[in-house]
């Protein structure tokens, strides 16, 4: 075998290795996107469930205090708004933590 054929084989091996590496990178990217989508859906579901629970608590307290003055109603509204705002803040913070964790995990994939 002459040197030209050996060089041609080396180039072919290199091209094959590059294609395999690209496939691995694409698979990792797709897995990351799927996990981010799943994390977002989970967070949205938790927010929805919490909101429904807060609304039910609010309605229950409203019914219990219907004989009270309007001051109690305003206090309950304020408490509910504060709790919802706290939940939104927590959801945003957790979403960022999840994204950061996933990015760290994906960028440290071993080949």
Protein backbone atom coordinates (compact mmCIF):
# COMPACT_ATOMS: atom_id res chain seq x y z
CA UNK A 1 0.00 0.00 0.00
CA UNK A 2 1.45 3.40 -0.92
CA UNK A 3 1.36 6.57 1.18
CA UNK A 4 -1.50 8.08 -0.88
CA UNK A 5 -3.94 5.31 0.05
CA UNK A 6 -2.99 5.52 3.69
CA UNK A 7 -3.66 9.28 3.63
CA UNK A 8 -7.03 8.70 1.92
CA UNK A 9 -8.00 6.18 4.63
CA UNK A 10 -6.99 8.65 7.34
CA UNK A 11 -9.17 11.36 5.82
CA UNK A 12 -12.13 8.95 5.61
CA UNK A 13 -11.65 7.94 9.27
CA UNK A 14 -11.50 11.59 10.26
CA UNK A 15 -14.72 12.39 8.36
CA UNK A 16 -16.47 9.42 9.96
CA UNK A 17 -15.29 10.49 13.43
CA UNK A 18 -16.54 14.04 12.81
CA UNK A 19 -19.95 12.76 11.73
CA UNK A 20 -20.20 10.56 14.84
CA UNK A 21 -19.19 13.47 17.06
CA UNK A 22 -21.85 15.67 15.43
CA UNK A 23 -24.48 12.98 16.03
CA UNK A 24 -23.49 12.79 19.72
CA UNK A 25 -23.69 16.59 20.05
CA UNK A 26 -27.10 16.65 18.31
CA UNK A 27 -28.42 13.87 20.57
CA UNK A 28 -27.21 15.73 23.68
CA UNK A 29 -28.78 18.97 22.45
CA UNK A 30 -32.11 17.25 21.76
CA UNK A 31 -32.05 15.58 25.18
CA UNK A 32 -31.36 18.94 26.84
CA UNK A 33 -34.24 20.63 24.99
CA UNK A 34 -36.61 17.79 25.89
CA UNK A 35 -35.64 18.01 29.58
CA UNK A 36 -36.01 21.80 29.63
CA UNK A 37 -39.49 21.47 28.09
CA UNK A 38 -40.41 18.82 30.67
CA UNK A 39 -39.10 20.98 33.55
CA UNK A 40 -41.11 23.96 32.28
CA UNK A 41 -44.27 21.86 32.02
CA UNK A 42 -43.75 20.50 35.55
CA UNK A 43 -43.27 24.01 36.94
CA UNK A 44 -46.37 25.29 35.14
CA UNK A 45 -48.42 22.36 36.46
CA UNK A 46 -47.25 23.07 40.03
CA UNK A 47 -48.13 26.76 39.66
CA UNK A 48 -51.60 25.86 38.35
CA UNK A 49 -52.22 23.40 41.20
CA UNK A 50 -51.03 25.90 43.80
CA UNK A 51 -53.17 28.66 42.30
CA UNK A 52 -56.25 26.40 42.40
CA UNK A 53 -55.51 25.51 46.04
CA UNK A 54 -55.06 29.17 46.96
CA UNK A 55 -58.32 30.08 45.20
CA UNK A 56 -60.16 27.29 47.06
CA UNK A 57 -58.71 28.49 50.41
CA UNK A 58 -59.65 32.06 49.54
CA UNK A 59 -63.23 31.10 48.66
CA UNK A 60 -63.53 29.04 51.86
CA UNK A 61 -62.26 31.91 54.01
CA UNK A 62 -64.54 34.29 52.15
CA UNK A 63 -67.53 32.08 52.92
CA UNK A 64 -66.50 31.74 56.57
CA UNK A 65 -66.11 35.48 56.96
CA UNK A 66 -69.12 36.55 54.90
CA UNK A 67 -70.73 37.86 58.10
CA UNK A 68 -67.62 39.97 58.85
CA UNK A 69 -66.83 43.44 57.66
CA UNK A 70 -65.22 44.23 54.32
CA UNK A 71 -61.89 44.70 56.11
CA UNK A 72 -61.47 40.94 56.48
CA UNK A 73 -62.19 40.42 52.80
CA UNK A 74 -59.54 42.98 51.88
CA UNK A 75 -57.05 41.33 54.25
CA UNK A 76 -57.72 37.93 52.67
CA UNK A 77 -57.28 39.35 49.17
CA UNK A 78 -53.98 40.92 50.19
CA UNK A 79 -52.72 37.66 51.78
CA UNK A 80 -53.70 35.70 48.69
CA UNK A 81 -51.98 38.16 46.35
CA UNK A 82 -48.81 38.03 48.46
CA UNK A 83 -48.81 34.22 48.40
CA UNK A 84 -49.32 34.13 44.63
CA UNK A 85 -46.51 36.67 44.13
CA UNK A 86 -44.22 34.58 46.37
CA UNK A 87 -45.05 31.48 44.31
CA UNK A 88 -44.27 33.28 41.04
CA UNK A 89 -40.92 34.42 42.43
CA UNK A 90 -40.09 30.90 43.60
CA UNK A 91 -41.13 29.38 40.25
CA UNK A 92 -38.86 31.83 38.39
CA UNK A 93 -35.95 31.07 40.71
CA UNK A 94 -36.44 27.31 40.45
CA UNK A 95 -36.73 27.50 36.65
CA UNK A 96 -33.36 29.28 36.49
CA UNK A 97 -31.80 26.69 38.81
CA UNK A 98 -33.14 23.84 36.67
CA UNK A 99 -31.85 25.42 33.45
CA UNK A 100 -28.42 26.05 35.02
CA UNK A 101 -28.23 22.48 36.35
CA UNK A 102 -29.21 21.04 32.95
CA UNK A 103 -26.73 23.21 31.09
CA UNK A 104 -23.94 22.12 33.44
CA UNK A 105 -24.94 18.50 32.95
CA UNK A 106 -25.16 18.72 29.16
CA UNK A 107 -21.90 20.63 28.74
CA UNK A 108 -20.04 18.08 30.85
CA UNK A 109 -21.09 15.06 28.75
CA UNK A 110 -18.19 12.60 28.40
CA UNK A 111 -17.58 11.08 24.98
